[in-house]
Amino acid sequence: MSEFEKKLFEFKEKIKVAKNLSELTKISSEIFGKNGIINLEFKKLGSLSPDERKNFAANINSSKKELSELFSKKSNEVLDKEIIEKVNKEKIDITLPEKDFEIGKVHPVSQVIDEISCIFSEIGFSVEEGPDVENEYNNFTALNTPENHPAKDMHDTFYLDQDMKTLLRTHTSPVQVRTMLKGRPPFKIIAPGRTYRSDSDQTHTPMFHQLEGLHIDKDINMGHLKGCLNYFIKAFFEVEKIKMRFRPSHFPFTEPSAEVDIGYRIENNKIIIGEGDKWLEILGCGMVHPNVLKNCKVDPNKFQGFAFGIGIDRLAMLKYGINDLRSFFECDYRWLNHYGFDPLDVPTNYRGLSR
């Protein structure tokens, strides 16, 4: 047996009895490292004749392959064993009481959704939900969106298939479609939830939260819409008076359509909502388009109604003085500890939403 073969045998035994990854790493260096036995053996090739060199190299490569396979197998065994030992050691009995208990905080978005739901429940609205993954018909076509509308472009919408028939919903309006298709009027709902658009900066994120409101019944008009929004804005911002104006706008699913501005003023570098000489756009709304009612199997000759859409994250920023939308999704505990809410402080109208 040559000196090289003796060393190979010794290293095979070392690999077999190795107990941990640290030992295997050291053995690997001794075998395959720069000064390991494999490299040292290859250096002898220069002193051999061409005929001897071929067989000698083949023998080294064969030994190297055998050692590599043995080393790999042993490494996997040791790694699996260490993982099992670590898992058994770190096993937690979840029935035991927590030693270092800290009360968590409710995220501002969750808090605002609860606040909005509380306000609208007082005037007869129920909460409806729908899937984040929608079909093109519910998200666009049923809502009277033209085929060539910019909202359907790839740079705005996250499509999930090549046919552009399945997508991440761009607004919560599909919930109103689903609600009307599965029931009969009257309808009086709000639909909070996640929405998705391909946009990202200080005031936009690819995923954000929106609330859709819908009221369908006989003899509903813009006066009902204005009264509903006036009640909501005063209750949400907890002010006695609100300065509000409707500006003509255009949305495919409402006619007439409007954007709503509210008055505010700057006082001590803070936005004071209610009255003032400045205007802030807060939501879009309008009377539901007859085509939408037809698409949802509702007779537009008998029923009509209003709809509105509100950005929940923007409302949270405005009410609680948060200046960067991206902070909502950064999972920074320090930020949540500052802006978050006591989990037991459930919003109620009778004692104040945010108190």
Protein backbone atom coordinates (compact mmCIF):
# COMPACT_ATOMS: atom_id res chain seq x y z
CA MET A 1 0.00 0.00 0.00
CA SER A 2 1.44 3.36 -1.05
CA GLU A 3 1.78 6.35 1.30
CA PHE A 4 -1.11 8.11 -0.55
CA GLU A 5 -3.38 5.08 -0.13
CA LYS A 6 -2.58 4.94 3.58
CA LYS A 7 -3.54 8.59 3.98
CA LEU A 8 -6.75 8.04 2.02
CA PHE A 9 -7.70 5.23 4.37
CA GLU A 10 -6.97 7.41 7.42
CA PHE A 11 -9.11 10.27 6.10
CA LYS A 12 -11.99 7.92 5.29
CA GLU A 13 -11.95 6.78 8.91
CA LYS A 14 -11.75 10.38 10.14
CA ILE A 15 -14.80 11.29 8.06
CA LYS A 16 -16.77 8.33 9.37
CA VAL A 17 -16.18 9.21 13.04
CA ALA A 18 -16.55 13.01 12.71
CA LYS A 19 -19.12 14.31 15.21
CA ASN A 20 -19.86 17.84 13.99
CA LEU A 21 -19.52 20.27 11.09
CA SER A 22 -16.48 21.92 12.66
CA GLU A 23 -14.53 18.63 12.53
CA LEU A 24 -15.68 18.00 8.97
CA THR A 25 -14.55 21.48 7.89
CA LYS A 26 -11.07 20.80 9.25
CA ILE A 27 -10.92 17.41 7.49
CA SER A 28 -12.10 18.98 4.23
CA SER A 29 -9.25 21.48 4.36
CA GLU A 30 -6.73 18.70 4.95
CA ILE A 31 -8.04 16.76 1.94
CA PHE A 32 -9.19 19.35 -0.62
CA GLY A 33 -7.41 22.51 0.56
CA LYS A 34 -4.50 24.28 -1.11
CA ASN A 35 -2.04 22.19 0.88
CA GLY A 36 -4.29 19.14 1.12
CA ILE A 37 -3.28 15.65 0.09
CA ILE A 38 -5.12 15.83 -3.24
CA ASN A 39 -3.28 18.96 -4.41
CA LEU A 40 0.06 17.69 -3.11
CA GLU A 41 -0.43 14.47 -5.03
CA PHE A 42 -1.28 16.36 -8.24
CA LYS A 43 2.00 18.29 -7.93
CA LYS A 44 3.90 15.00 -8.45
CA LEU A 45 2.60 14.75 -12.02
CA GLY A 46 5.40 16.96 -13.34
CA SER A 47 8.07 14.42 -12.38
CA LEU A 48 6.39 11.50 -14.17
CA SER A 49 6.62 10.26 -17.75
CA PRO A 50 3.62 10.81 -20.07
CA ASP A 51 2.54 7.16 -19.80
CA GLU A 52 2.74 7.14 -15.99
CA ARG A 53 1.07 10.56 -15.73
CA LYS A 54 -2.19 9.38 -17.31
CA ASN A 55 -2.78 6.47 -14.92
CA PHE A 56 -1.54 8.47 -11.93
CA ALA A 57 -3.96 11.35 -12.62
CA ALA A 58 -6.87 8.95 -13.16
CA ASN A 59 -6.14 7.33 -9.80
CA ILE A 60 -6.07 10.72 -8.00
CA ASN A 61 -9.36 11.85 -9.61
CA SER A 62 -11.01 8.56 -8.69
CA SER A 63 -9.86 8.92 -5.08
CA LYS A 64 -10.97 12.56 -5.01
CA LYS A 65 -14.46 11.63 -6.24
CA GLU A 66 -14.76 8.85 -3.66
CA LEU A 67 -13.73 11.16 -0.82
CA SER A 68 -16.10 13.92 -2.05
CA GLU A 69 -19.10 11.60 -2.06
CA LEU A 70 -18.22 10.22 1.37
CA PHE A 71 -17.70 13.74 2.74
CA SER A 72 -20.99 15.00 1.27
CA LYS A 73 -22.96 12.09 2.71
CA LYS A 74 -21.41 12.54 6.16
CA SER A 75 -22.01 16.33 6.07
CA ASN A 76 -25.71 15.80 5.40
CA GLU A 77 -25.97 13.29 8.24
CA VAL A 78 -24.25 15.63 10.71
CA LEU A 79 -26.30 18.63 9.58
CA ASP A 80 -29.59 16.73 9.95
CA LYS A 81 -28.56 15.55 13.40
CA GLU A 82 -27.63 19.08 14.52
CA ILE A 83 -30.96 20.47 13.26
CA ILE A 84 -32.92 17.80 15.12
CA GLU A 85 -30.95 18.47 18.32
CA LYS A 86 -31.49 22.22 17.96
CA VAL A 87 -35.23 21.82 17.36
CA ASN A 88 -35.58 19.52 20.38
CA LYS A 89 -33.60 21.93 22.54
CA GLU A 90 -35.63 24.98 21.43
CA LYS A 91 -39.02 23.29 21.73
CA ILE A 92 -41.52 25.62 23.44
CA ASP A 93 -44.45 24.50 25.49
CA ILE A 94 -47.11 26.95 24.33
CA THR A 95 -49.32 26.04 27.28
CA LEU A 96 -46.84 27.67 29.69
CA PRO A 97 -47.40 31.34 30.63
CA GLU A 98 -45.25 33.96 28.89
CA LYS A 99 -42.43 35.23 31.11
CA ASP A 100 -41.62 38.46 29.29
CA PHE A 101 -45.09 39.52 28.23
CA GLU A 102 -45.47 42.74 26.24
CA ILE A 103 -48.79 44.08 25.02
CA GLY A 104 -48.77 44.54 21.26
CA LYS A 105 -50.16 47.51 19.36
CA VAL A 106 -52.96 47.75 16.82
CA HIS A 107 -51.70 49.05 13.45
CA PRO A 108 -53.10 52.48 12.46
CA VAL A 109 -54.65 50.99 9.31
CA SER A 110 -56.53 48.36 11.34
CA GLN A 111 -57.61 51.04 13.79
CA VAL A 112 -58.92 53.31 11.03
CA ILE A 113 -60.84 50.44 9.41
CA ASP A 114 -62.50 49.78 12.77
CA GLU A 115 -63.27 53.48 13.17
CA ILE A 116 -64.83 53.75 9.70
CA SER A 117 -66.84 50.56 10.19
CA CYS A 118 -68.10 51.88 13.52
CA ILE A 119 -69.25 55.16 11.95
CA PHE A 120 -71.08 53.62 9.00
CA SER A 121 -72.68 50.89 11.09
CA GLU A 122 -74.47 53.67 12.98
CA ILE A 123 -76.35 54.64 9.80
CA GLY A 124 -77.21 51.15 8.61
CA PHE A 125 -74.24 50.10 6.46
CA SER A 126 -73.01 46.52 6.66
CA VAL A 127 -69.46 45.33 5.91
CA GLU A 128 -68.78 43.18 2.83
CA GLU A 129 -65.52 41.59 1.70
CA GLY A 130 -64.16 40.11 -1.52
CA PRO A 131 -61.03 38.32 -2.80
CA ASP A 132 -57.77 40.15 -3.52
CA VAL A 133 -57.35 38.10 -6.71
CA GLU A 134 -60.11 39.17 -9.10
CA ASN A 135 -61.21 38.53 -12.66
CA GLU A 136 -61.10 41.24 -15.30
CA TYR A 137 -64.89 41.39 -15.61
CA ASN A 138 -65.57 42.28 -11.98
CA ASN A 139 -62.62 44.68 -11.75
CA PHE A 140 -63.18 46.56 -15.02
CA THR A 141 -65.91 45.49 -17.47
CA ALA A 142 -68.82 45.24 -15.02
CA LEU A 143 -67.85 48.69 -13.73
CA ASN A 144 -68.33 50.23 -17.18
CA THR A 145 -64.59 50.64 -17.81
CA PRO A 146 -63.85 51.06 -21.57
CA GLU A 147 -61.61 48.50 -23.27
CA ASN A 148 -58.90 51.10 -23.97
CA HIS A 149 -59.01 52.76 -20.53
CA PRO A 150 -55.50 53.61 -19.14
CA ALA A 151 -56.32 51.80 -15.86
CA LYS A 152 -56.13 48.50 -17.76
CA ASP A 153 -52.54 49.06 -18.86
CA MET A 154 -49.85 46.68 -17.67
CA HIS A 155 -47.92 49.50 -15.98
CA ASP A 156 -50.86 50.16 -13.63
CA THR A 157 -52.31 46.71 -13.03
CA PHE A 158 -50.72 43.50 -11.71
CA TYR A 159 -51.98 40.80 -14.09
CA LEU A 160 -51.51 37.17 -13.07
CA ASP A 161 -51.82 35.53 -16.50
CA GLN A 162 -50.85 36.25 -20.09
CA ASP A 163 -54.47 36.63 -21.20
CA MET A 164 -54.91 39.49 -18.70
CA LYS A 165 -58.08 37.89 -17.33
CA THR A 166 -56.89 37.42 -13.73
CA LEU A 167 -55.38 40.21 -11.66
CA LEU A 168 -54.81 41.73 -8.25
CA ARG A 169 -57.78 44.04 -7.75
CA THR A 170 -56.98 47.72 -8.33
CA HIS A 171 -59.83 48.94 -6.09
CA THR A 172 -62.46 47.46 -3.78
CA SER A 173 -65.26 48.30 -6.24
CA PRO A 174 -65.49 44.65 -7.44
CA VAL A 175 -67.03 43.90 -4.04
CA GLN A 176 -70.05 46.00 -4.99
CA VAL A 177 -70.38 43.95 -8.18
CA ARG A 178 -70.24 40.67 -6.25
CA THR A 179 -72.70 41.97 -3.66
CA MET A 180 -75.27 43.06 -6.24
CA LEU A 181 -74.95 39.86 -8.29
CA LYS A 182 -75.56 37.61 -5.29
CA GLY A 183 -78.48 39.56 -3.80
CA ARG A 184 -81.42 41.85 -4.42
CA PRO A 185 -81.71 45.58 -3.72
CA PRO A 186 -81.70 47.56 -1.55
CA PHE A 187 -77.95 47.45 -0.83
CA LYS A 188 -76.17 49.50 1.82
CA ILE A 189 -72.59 48.35 2.26
CA ILE A 190 -69.00 49.37 2.84
CA ALA A 191 -66.13 47.22 1.60
CA PRO A 192 -62.69 47.82 3.17
CA GLY A 193 -59.69 45.86 1.95
CA ARG A 194 -56.30 45.66 0.26
CA THR A 195 -55.84 46.91 -3.29
CA TYR A 196 -52.86 46.78 -5.66
CA ARG A 197 -51.36 49.10 -8.27
CA SER A 198 -47.92 49.34 -9.80
CA ASP A 199 -46.76 52.52 -8.08
CA SER A 200 -44.31 53.39 -5.31
CA ASP A 201 -43.16 56.67 -3.74
CA GLN A 202 -43.70 58.71 -0.55
CA THR A 203 -47.47 58.82 -1.07
CA HIS A 204 -48.02 55.61 -3.12
CA THR A 205 -47.30 51.94 -2.45
CA PRO A 206 -47.88 48.82 -4.62
CA MET A 207 -50.32 47.57 -1.99
CA PHE A 208 -52.63 49.93 -0.12
CA HIS A 209 -56.03 49.94 1.57
CA GLN A 210 -59.25 51.33 0.19
CA LEU A 211 -62.87 51.48 1.28
CA GLU A 212 -65.79 51.28 -1.14
CA GLY A 213 -69.22 52.54 -0.10
CA LEU A 214 -72.46 51.68 -1.92
CA HIS A 215 -76.12 52.54 -1.31
CA ILE A 216 -78.70 51.31 -3.84
CA ASP A 217 -82.42 51.85 -3.28
CA LYS A 218 -85.41 53.66 -4.76
CA ASP A 219 -85.27 57.47 -5.01
CA ILE A 220 -81.65 57.85 -3.85
CA ASN A 221 -80.01 61.11 -4.99
CA MET A 222 -76.89 63.28 -4.58
CA GLY A 223 -78.43 64.88 -1.50
CA HIS A 224 -78.30 61.53 0.29
CA LEU A 225 -74.67 61.14 -0.79
CA LYS A 226 -73.72 64.57 0.53
CA GLY A 227 -75.49 63.97 3.83
CA CYS A 228 -73.80 60.58 4.26
CA LEU A 229 -70.30 61.95 3.58
CA ASN A 230 -70.87 65.01 5.75
CA TYR A 231 -71.83 62.76 8.65
CA PHE A 232 -68.85 60.46 8.05
CA ILE A 233 -66.17 63.16 7.77
CA LYS A 234 -67.33 65.00 10.91
CA ALA A 235 -67.50 61.74 12.88
CA PHE A 236 -64.14 60.44 11.64
CA PHE A 237 -62.16 63.63 12.29
CA GLU A 238 -64.21 64.25 15.44
CA VAL A 239 -65.13 67.84 14.59
CA GLU A 240 -68.47 69.63 14.98
CA LYS A 241 -68.30 71.53 11.69
CA ILE A 242 -66.84 70.60 8.33
CA LYS A 243 -66.30 72.74 5.26
CA MET A 244 -66.89 70.52 2.22
CA ARG A 245 -67.20 71.02 -1.54
CA PHE A 246 -67.95 68.74 -4.50
CA ARG A 247 -65.91 69.23 -7.69
CA PRO A 248 -67.13 67.70 -10.98
CA SER A 249 -64.98 64.77 -12.07
CA HIS A 250 -65.19 61.61 -14.17
CA PHE A 251 -65.19 57.93 -13.21
CA PRO A 252 -66.44 55.19 -15.58
CA PHE A 253 -68.69 53.66 -12.91
CA THR A 254 -70.49 56.82 -11.71
CA GLU A 255 -72.48 59.56 -13.45
CA PRO A 256 -72.46 62.30 -12.34
CA SER A 257 -69.08 61.97 -10.61
CA ALA A 258 -67.37 64.23 -8.11
CA GLU A 259 -64.26 64.60 -6.03
CA VAL A 260 -64.76 65.82 -2.47
CA ASP A 261 -62.55 68.47 -0.85
CA ILE A 262 -62.60 69.43 2.82
CA GLY A 263 -61.42 72.67 4.39
CA TYR A 264 -58.40 72.89 6.65
CA ARG A 265 -55.89 75.32 8.07
CA ILE A 266 -52.29 75.08 9.26
CA GLU A 267 -51.81 75.81 12.96
CA ASN A 268 -48.47 75.32 14.75
CA ASN A 269 -47.24 73.31 11.74
CA LYS A 270 -50.20 70.92 12.05
CA ILE A 271 -53.17 70.34 9.74
CA ILE A 272 -56.42 71.27 11.46
CA ILE A 273 -59.39 69.66 9.70
CA GLY A 274 -62.77 71.38 9.62
CA GLU A 275 -62.68 74.95 8.47
CA GLY A 276 -60.02 77.16 6.91
CA ASP A 277 -58.87 78.82 3.72
CA LYS A 278 -57.22 75.72 2.23
CA TRP A 279 -58.75 72.71 0.49
CA LEU A 280 -57.73 69.06 0.62
CA GLU A 281 -59.03 66.33 -1.71
CA ILE A 282 -60.20 63.38 0.35
CA LEU A 283 -62.30 60.98 -1.78
CA GLY A 284 -64.12 60.31 -5.06
CA CYS A 285 -67.84 59.61 -5.40
CA GLY A 286 -70.93 59.82 -7.59
CA MET A 287 -74.23 58.26 -8.60
CA VAL A 288 -73.85 54.66 -9.78
CA HIS A 289 -73.85 54.50 -13.60
CA PRO A 290 -76.94 52.77 -15.09
CA ASN A 291 -74.63 50.45 -17.06
CA VAL A 292 -73.12 49.18 -13.82
CA LEU A 293 -76.59 48.42 -12.47
CA LYS A 294 -77.49 46.57 -15.67
CA ASN A 295 -74.26 44.52 -15.52
CA CYS A 296 -75.14 43.58 -11.94
CA LYS A 297 -78.72 42.52 -12.79
CA VAL A 298 -80.32 45.56 -11.12
CA ASP A 299 -83.08 47.43 -12.97
CA PRO A 300 -81.87 51.07 -13.37
CA ASN A 301 -85.46 52.19 -14.04
CA LYS A 302 -86.47 51.15 -10.52
CA PHE A 303 -83.29 51.59 -8.49
CA GLN A 304 -80.46 54.06 -8.28
CA GLY A 305 -77.84 54.93 -5.74
CA PHE A 306 -74.45 56.37 -4.89
CA ALA A 307 -70.95 55.01 -4.43
CA PHE A 308 -67.75 56.43 -2.99
CA GLY A 309 -64.13 55.34 -2.62
CA ILE A 310 -61.79 56.37 0.19
CA GLY A 311 -58.07 55.72 0.67
CA ILE A 312 -57.81 54.28 4.19
CA ASP A 313 -54.03 54.78 4.48
CA ARG A 314 -54.35 58.45 3.46
CA LEU A 315 -57.06 59.00 6.09
CA ALA A 316 -54.80 57.45 8.73
CA MET A 317 -51.90 59.69 7.67
CA LEU A 318 -54.10 62.77 7.79
CA LYS A 319 -55.75 62.06 11.13
CA TYR A 320 -52.71 60.81 13.01
CA GLY A 321 -49.95 62.97 11.49
CA ILE A 322 -48.03 60.27 9.62
CA ASN A 323 -46.00 61.81 6.79
CA ASP A 324 -44.73 58.78 4.82
CA LEU A 325 -47.01 56.05 3.47
CA ARG A 326 -44.12 53.59 3.16
CA SER A 327 -43.72 53.52 6.95
CA PHE A 328 -47.01 51.63 7.20
CA PHE A 329 -45.39 48.53 5.67
CA GLU A 330 -41.81 48.59 7.02
CA CYS A 331 -42.56 46.41 10.08
CA ASP A 332 -40.60 48.74 12.39
CA TYR A 333 -41.69 47.98 15.96
CA ARG A 334 -40.54 51.42 17.16
CA TRP A 335 -42.84 53.08 14.61
CA LEU A 336 -45.75 50.82 15.58
CA ASN A 337 -45.10 51.42 19.27
CA HIS A 338 -45.37 55.17 18.63
CA TYR A 339 -48.35 55.24 16.23
CA GLY A 340 -50.11 52.05 17.29
CA PHE A 341 -53.20 51.73 19.49
CA ASP A 342 -54.09 49.83 22.62
CA PRO A 343 -55.71 46.53 21.51
CA LEU A 344 -58.44 46.94 24.14
CA ASP A 345 -59.31 50.47 23.01
CA VAL A 346 -62.03 49.46 20.53
CA PRO A 347 -63.46 52.48 18.60
CA THR A 348 -66.98 53.47 19.66
CA ASN A 349 -69.06 56.49 18.70
CA TYR A 350 -70.45 57.18 22.13
CA ARG A 351 -67.09 57.82 23.83
CA GLY A 352 -65.01 59.03 20.88
CA LEU A 353 -63.27 57.02 18.20
CA SER A 354 -59.63 57.73 19.02
CA ARG A 355 -59.86 58.38 22.77
